[in-house]
Every structure is written in structure tokens, then in C-alpha cells.
Protein backbone atom coordinates (compact mmCIF):
# COMPACT_ATOMS: atom_id res chain seq x y z
CA MET A 1 -32.46 -29.07 10.70
CA THR A 2 -33.72 -29.36 14.25
CA GLN A 3 -33.10 -25.66 16.28
CA ALA A 4 -30.29 -26.94 18.61
CA LYS A 5 -28.11 -28.40 15.43
CA LEU A 6 -29.27 -24.73 13.69
CA ASN A 7 -27.57 -23.07 16.73
CA ILE A 8 -24.77 -24.77 16.74
CA ALA A 9 -24.01 -23.90 13.23
CA THR A 10 -24.43 -20.66 13.85
CA LEU A 11 -22.45 -20.42 16.55
CA ALA A 12 -19.61 -22.24 14.84
CA ALA A 13 -20.26 -19.98 11.91
CA THR A 14 -19.96 -17.02 14.25
CA LEU A 15 -17.06 -17.95 16.01
CA LEU A 16 -15.12 -18.86 12.16
CA LEU A 17 -16.06 -15.19 11.72
CA MET A 18 -14.68 -13.99 14.97
CA SER A 19 -11.19 -16.30 14.31
CA PRO A 20 -8.11 -14.03 13.64
CA PHE A 21 -7.77 -16.34 10.65
CA ALA A 22 -11.08 -15.25 9.14
CA GLY A 23 -9.84 -11.60 8.23
CA MET A 24 -6.35 -12.80 7.24
CA ALA A 25 -5.36 -11.63 3.83
CA ALA A 26 -3.74 -13.21 1.04
CA ALA A 27 -0.18 -12.62 1.63
CA PRO A 28 1.59 -11.63 -1.88
CA ALA A 29 4.64 -13.75 -2.99
CA ILE A 30 6.93 -10.77 -3.33
CA GLN A 31 9.86 -11.72 -5.49
CA THR A 32 11.99 -8.29 -5.67
CA LYS A 33 15.33 -8.00 -3.98
CA GLY A 34 15.98 -5.55 -1.64
CA THR A 35 13.98 -3.12 0.36
CA VAL A 36 10.53 -2.56 -0.80
CA ILE A 37 7.24 -1.30 0.27
CA TYR A 38 4.21 -3.19 -0.43
CA LEU A 39 0.52 -3.46 0.33
CA ALA A 40 0.30 -6.57 2.94
CA ASP A 41 -2.61 -8.42 0.95
CA ASN A 42 -1.95 -9.64 -2.33
CA LEU A 43 -5.35 -8.00 -3.40
CA ASN A 44 -5.96 -10.09 -6.57
CA GLU A 45 -2.85 -9.04 -7.98
CA GLU A 46 -2.75 -11.99 -10.90
CA ALA A 47 0.71 -13.45 -10.81
CA ASN A 48 0.55 -13.40 -7.00
CA LEU A 49 3.48 -10.42 -6.65
CA GLY A 50 1.51 -8.26 -4.41
CA TRP A 51 1.40 -4.21 -5.01
CA CYS A 52 4.26 -1.84 -4.62
CA ILE A 53 5.11 2.09 -4.95
CA ASP A 54 6.23 2.42 -8.10
CA THR A 55 6.69 5.28 -10.83
CA GLN A 56 4.21 5.69 -13.93
CA GLY A 57 5.71 4.91 -17.14
CA ARG A 58 8.82 3.27 -17.47
CA GLY A 59 11.47 4.34 -15.61
CA PHE A 60 12.01 7.59 -13.92
CA GLY A 61 8.48 9.54 -13.43
CA GLU A 62 7.02 12.54 -11.48
CA LYS A 63 3.91 10.96 -10.63
CA LEU A 64 3.50 7.96 -8.38
CA HIS A 65 0.70 4.90 -8.58
CA ALA A 66 1.00 1.29 -7.38
CA HIS A 67 2.26 -1.43 -9.42
CA SER A 68 2.48 -5.24 -9.40
CA CYS A 69 5.91 -5.69 -7.43
CA LYS A 70 8.51 -6.51 -10.04
CA PRO A 71 10.60 -9.15 -10.20
CA THR A 72 13.58 -7.31 -10.73
CA GLY A 73 12.84 -4.30 -8.96
CA GLY A 74 14.18 -1.14 -9.79
CA ASP A 75 11.47 1.75 -9.78
CA VAL A 76 8.95 -0.42 -7.14
CA GLN A 77 11.59 0.02 -4.59
CA PHE A 78 11.26 2.66 -1.89
CA SER A 79 12.48 2.77 1.39
CA PHE A 80 11.09 4.66 4.69
CA ASP A 81 13.48 6.64 6.93
CA GLU A 82 11.09 7.03 10.43
CA GLU A 83 13.28 9.48 11.77
CA SER A 84 12.60 12.21 8.75
CA GLY A 85 9.13 10.85 7.83
CA LYS A 86 10.76 10.63 4.54
CA ILE A 87 9.40 7.56 1.62
CA GLU A 88 12.50 7.74 -0.56
CA SER A 89 13.13 6.38 -3.89
CA VAL A 90 15.77 3.23 -3.75
CA ALA A 91 16.40 3.70 -7.46
CA PHE A 92 16.42 7.36 -8.34
CA GLU A 93 18.65 9.40 -5.66
CA SER A 94 17.44 12.05 -3.53
CA LYS A 95 13.56 11.76 -4.79
CA CYS A 96 11.15 11.22 -2.26
CA MET A 97 7.46 10.89 -2.53
CA THR A 98 5.40 13.93 -1.69
CA LEU A 99 2.04 14.30 -1.53
CA SER A 100 1.98 16.82 -4.47
CA GLU A 101 -1.75 17.43 -4.90
CA PRO A 102 -3.84 16.17 -2.19
CA GLU A 103 -7.03 16.63 -3.44
CA ASN A 104 -6.02 14.74 -6.22
CA LYS A 105 -8.34 11.83 -6.01
CA GLU A 106 -6.35 9.60 -9.03
CA VAL A 107 -2.86 10.66 -8.55
CA PRO A 108 -2.27 12.59 -5.05
CA PHE A 109 1.28 11.28 -4.82
CA GLY A 110 4.15 12.75 -6.79
CA LEU A 111 7.94 11.51 -6.70
CA LEU A 112 10.08 14.93 -6.26
CA ASP A 113 13.51 16.29 -4.77
CA CYS A 114 13.58 15.26 -1.49
CA VAL A 115 13.64 18.30 0.73
CA ASP A 116 14.14 18.05 4.56
CA ALA A 117 11.27 20.92 5.81
CA ASP A 118 9.06 19.94 3.66
CA VAL A 119 6.00 18.67 5.18
CA SER A 120 4.66 16.85 2.16
CA GLN A 121 7.21 14.41 2.08
CA GLN A 122 6.62 13.67 6.02
CA PHE A 123 4.64 10.38 7.06
CA ILE A 124 4.12 8.39 9.41
CA TYR A 125 3.81 5.06 9.93
CA ASP A 126 2.25 3.32 12.32
CA THR A 127 3.43 -0.26 12.96
CA GLN A 128 0.40 -0.96 14.90
CA SER A 129 -2.62 -1.04 11.84
CA MET A 130 0.21 -0.88 9.35
CA GLU A 131 -0.63 2.45 7.71
CA PHE A 132 1.21 5.28 6.18
CA ARG A 133 -0.33 8.79 7.26
CA PRO A 134 0.89 11.95 5.75
CA HIS A 135 2.06 13.68 8.51
CA THR A 136 0.06 16.87 8.14
CA ASP A 137 -3.39 14.98 8.11
CA GLU A 138 -3.03 11.84 10.19
CA SER A 139 -7.42 11.05 9.86
CA ARG A 140 -5.66 10.04 5.75
CA CYS A 141 -3.99 7.28 4.64
CA VAL A 142 -2.18 6.02 1.74
CA ALA A 143 -4.01 3.39 -0.08
CA VAL A 144 -4.72 1.41 -3.28
CA ALA A 145 -7.57 1.89 -5.39
CA GLU A 146 -9.97 -0.54 -6.28
CA PRO A 147 -9.64 -0.97 -9.68
CA ILE A 148 -7.12 -3.27 -11.16
CA ILE A 149 -5.54 -1.74 -14.75
CA GLN A 150 -3.52 -3.69 -16.98
CA ALA A 151 -0.25 -2.62 -17.41
CA GLY A 152 1.38 -4.75 -19.67
CA PRO A 153 2.65 -7.90 -18.04
CA PHE A 154 1.73 -6.58 -14.78
CA GLN A 155 -1.21 -4.60 -13.57
CA SER A 156 -1.40 -1.33 -11.48
CA ARG A 157 -4.16 1.04 -9.41
CA PHE A 158 -3.94 4.31 -8.32
CA LEU A 159 -1.90 5.19 -5.49
CA ILE A 160 -4.71 6.74 -3.39
CA LEU A 161 -5.55 9.30 0.17
CA ALA A 162 -8.34 8.59 1.65
CA PRO A 163 -9.72 8.75 5.08
CA CYS A 164 -8.39 6.10 7.04
CA ALA A 165 -11.95 4.87 8.21
CA ASP A 166 -13.67 4.76 4.95
CA LEU A 167 -10.91 2.10 4.05
CA SER A 168 -10.73 -1.72 4.25
CA PRO A 169 -7.60 -3.05 5.78
CA ALA A 170 -6.57 -4.75 2.77
CA PHE A 171 -6.15 -1.32 0.89
CA LYS A 172 -4.45 0.13 3.46
CA GLN A 173 -1.79 -1.88 5.17
CA TRP A 174 1.74 -1.84 4.28
CA ILE A 175 4.82 -3.81 5.30
CA ILE A 176 8.65 -2.42 4.97
CA ARG A 177 10.65 -4.69 4.09
CA GLU A 178 14.68 -3.81 4.56
């Protein structure tokens, strides 16, 4: 290949990588009806259902993880109240996502009774970056861990808290659908 052709090929590749579409995530095909908070990137969820905040185990559980967004909804449905900063379960009334064990690398979040003054239940959602951050430490983000765990016909991942600067956008960008 001549130097001119090599330069053109290099320029074309560089422009493609710099394109706003080059880093675009594969969007999930959310089938869950109603209110849901889900990861913007399908991030290798095998059925293209996407990743939602979910209670561990069937039905109510006091620990949270990320799970394939179930078409039937239920325990994967959460809402966000911008004014209070609370991420609240739709299925379990008056239960809120709580940063109950901030130093736990695998399960820092619980689903506990909503308490108005509890700062461990207050989150900030940045609409520009699409990140959830705890009110108590805006340098860290709510994210999913890399390993995928089989969960019956679905999949799960740990729902983690990690420094925002250390995370790829695919692991920390959330969409709120009312």
C-alpha cells in the first residue's frame, strides 16, 4: 500500500472512531411494561432484555443486584423521585434502594423501608452523563459489575458502587422510563 493510501486509510479509521456513533452502545429491547430504570447498553444480556435494578431472589429481598429486565416486570421495576433523590420499588410499597454497605464490593445496596431523612437513600441522577451517584459521595457511581451470572432463564450481575472515573459508560449509564 502506498503511503498516500495508508494515510487516507488511517484518517478514515480515525474519523470513524471519533464519530459520535462509534461508541454507541447496543440498546436493549426493554419488554418490561411501566416504570423501570435500566442500563442504556444491553451489555451482552443474551436475550437483549437489558439490565434492571432488581431484588435478589424471587419476589421481595433486602439485597439488590442487576438482572435481566423481566418482561413481566415486578421486582425489576423502580422509580426515581428527583426531589427526594429516592429510588423506590414499584412492586414493594415504601421500600427504597439504600446504600447499606458502601464498602461491600459485590452487594452494597439493599431494599429497605423508605425514610425521608436517610441520606443513604438519596441519589443524584445526572441527566447529561446518565449516572446515578449517592448524595453522600458524588465521585462514585451506581454501576453493574462485569461478570454475568446465569439466573434461571435470565442473567444477573452485581449492582456495585465504584469511582465514576474508573468505569466505562456502558456499565454506569442508566435510563429512567416513567
